[in-house]
């Protein structure tokens, strides 16, 4: 059931990605998953993630679907001029940061200043993945 819900959510995000930027999609992902009516689903997501860490073979389809948003963000990053490796790295780190903040939001909602955090993720993504000499 969670996979089907995520698939529907991702379809709406895919549509937004067709016309938007990397930054637009990051904000759309965050807003989509942090709406008050979505937080119970976010709790369900993290519950299933926990189960999948113990029995990955039983949750293979779910685990494989986790790259959908990363792939979508990476394609936008490439469209905006990054090479494919840097685009994938930037997208992977961005999704990891969003998931970490989402977990924080689920556990301690009053502590997270989400808009500021997302703005920081976007600023960091502009620094890109390669270390400066």
Protein backbone atom coordinates (compact mmCIF):
# COMPACT_ATOMS: atom_id res chain seq x y z
CA UNK A 1 0.00 0.00 0.00
CA UNK A 2 2.80 2.43 0.88
CA UNK A 3 4.43 1.75 -2.49
CA UNK A 4 1.19 2.61 -4.31
CA UNK A 5 0.79 5.83 -2.33
CA UNK A 6 4.40 6.81 -2.97
CA UNK A 7 3.93 6.06 -6.66
CA UNK A 8 0.91 8.41 -6.83
CA UNK A 9 2.79 11.11 -4.94
CA UNK A 10 5.79 10.73 -7.21
CA UNK A 11 3.63 11.04 -10.34
CA UNK A 12 2.52 14.50 -9.19
CA UNK A 13 6.13 15.39 -8.44
CA UNK A 14 7.26 14.06 -11.85
CA UNK A 15 4.76 16.40 -13.49
CA UNK A 16 6.10 19.34 -11.49
CA UNK A 17 9.66 18.37 -12.46
CA UNK A 18 8.88 18.57 -16.16
CA UNK A 19 8.36 22.31 -15.88
CA UNK A 20 10.48 23.25 -12.89
CA UNK A 21 14.03 23.50 -11.65
CA UNK A 22 16.06 21.42 -9.21
CA UNK A 23 15.21 23.91 -6.47
CA UNK A 24 11.50 23.88 -7.36
CA UNK A 25 11.40 20.10 -7.06
CA UNK A 26 13.23 20.07 -3.71
CA UNK A 27 10.69 22.51 -2.28
CA UNK A 28 7.78 20.54 -3.83
CA UNK A 29 9.06 17.28 -2.33
CA UNK A 30 9.39 18.86 1.10
CA UNK A 31 5.98 20.49 1.01
CA UNK A 32 4.35 17.33 -0.30
CA UNK A 33 5.67 15.11 2.47
CA UNK A 34 5.33 17.57 5.37
CA UNK A 35 1.73 18.58 4.94
CA UNK A 36 -0.01 17.79 8.25
CA UNK A 37 -2.23 15.17 6.61
CA UNK A 38 0.88 13.42 5.27
CA UNK A 39 2.80 13.03 8.52
CA UNK A 40 1.15 9.71 9.40
CA UNK A 41 2.33 8.40 6.03
CA UNK A 42 5.81 9.71 6.76
CA UNK A 43 5.73 7.73 10.01
CA UNK A 44 4.66 4.68 7.99
CA UNK A 45 7.53 5.26 5.56
CA UNK A 46 10.10 5.23 8.35
CA UNK A 47 8.47 2.17 9.92
CA UNK A 48 8.78 0.27 6.65
CA UNK A 49 12.37 1.50 6.23
CA UNK A 50 13.13 0.03 9.64
CA UNK A 51 11.60 -3.31 8.70
CA UNK A 52 13.45 -3.32 5.38
CA UNK A 53 16.80 -2.93 7.14
CA UNK A 54 16.19 -6.25 8.87
CA UNK A 55 14.61 -8.12 5.94
CA UNK A 56 15.73 -6.47 2.69
CA UNK A 57 14.70 -9.44 0.54
CA UNK A 58 11.10 -9.10 1.75
CA UNK A 59 11.06 -5.41 0.84
CA UNK A 60 13.06 -5.44 -2.42
CA UNK A 61 10.44 -3.60 -4.51
CA UNK A 62 10.12 -0.91 -1.86
CA UNK A 63 13.89 -0.52 -1.55
CA UNK A 64 14.26 -0.32 -5.33
CA UNK A 65 11.62 2.42 -5.49
CA UNK A 66 13.58 4.63 -3.10
CA UNK A 67 15.74 5.92 -5.96
CA UNK A 68 12.82 7.43 -7.90
CA UNK A 69 13.13 10.93 -6.45
CA UNK A 70 16.92 10.82 -6.60
CA UNK A 71 16.78 9.95 -10.29
CA UNK A 72 14.30 12.73 -10.95
CA UNK A 73 16.44 15.32 -9.13
CA UNK A 74 19.59 14.11 -10.88
CA UNK A 75 17.98 14.59 -14.29
CA UNK A 76 17.06 18.16 -13.35
CA UNK A 77 20.59 18.81 -12.11
CA UNK A 78 21.94 17.54 -15.43
CA UNK A 79 19.47 19.73 -17.29
CA UNK A 80 20.88 22.65 -15.30
CA UNK A 81 24.43 21.87 -16.41
CA UNK A 82 25.98 19.31 -14.07
CA UNK A 83 27.72 16.26 -15.46
CA UNK A 84 25.96 12.98 -14.71
CA UNK A 85 28.18 11.93 -11.78
CA UNK A 86 27.95 15.28 -10.03
CA UNK A 87 24.21 15.47 -10.70
CA UNK A 88 23.67 12.04 -9.12
CA UNK A 89 25.85 12.89 -6.12
CA UNK A 90 24.05 16.20 -5.58
CA UNK A 91 20.64 14.53 -5.88
CA UNK A 92 21.61 11.67 -3.55
CA UNK A 93 22.86 14.00 -0.82
CA UNK A 94 19.83 16.26 -1.23
CA UNK A 95 17.36 13.37 -0.86
CA UNK A 96 19.32 12.06 2.15
CA UNK A 97 19.12 15.49 3.77
CA UNK A 98 15.39 15.76 3.05
CA UNK A 99 14.76 12.31 4.56
CA UNK A 100 16.81 13.21 7.62
CA UNK A 101 14.84 16.41 8.10
CA UNK A 102 11.59 14.55 7.53
CA UNK A 103 12.52 12.09 10.27
CA UNK A 104 13.34 15.03 12.54
CA UNK A 105 9.97 16.59 11.64
CA UNK A 106 8.15 13.36 12.54
CA UNK A 107 9.99 12.93 15.83
CA UNK A 108 10.19 16.53 17.06
CA UNK A 109 8.07 18.80 14.88
CA UNK A 110 8.43 21.89 17.06
CA UNK A 111 12.24 21.77 16.83
CA UNK A 112 12.63 21.77 13.05
CA UNK A 113 12.64 25.09 11.21
CA UNK A 114 11.88 23.39 7.94
CA UNK A 115 11.85 26.30 5.49
CA UNK A 116 15.22 27.49 6.78
CA UNK A 117 16.61 23.96 6.56
CA UNK A 118 15.42 23.45 2.99
CA UNK A 119 16.89 26.83 2.03
CA UNK A 120 20.22 25.68 3.50
CA UNK A 121 20.07 22.41 1.53
CA UNK A 122 19.51 24.41 -1.64
CA UNK A 123 22.42 26.75 -0.88
CA UNK A 124 24.67 23.77 -0.16
CA UNK A 125 23.65 22.08 -3.40
CA UNK A 126 24.84 25.16 -5.29
CA UNK A 127 28.31 24.55 -3.85
CA UNK A 128 28.10 21.20 -5.66
CA UNK A 129 29.72 17.96 -4.71
CA UNK A 130 33.36 18.47 -5.69
CA UNK A 131 35.72 19.67 -3.00
CA UNK A 132 37.33 23.01 -3.62
CA UNK A 133 41.12 22.98 -4.12
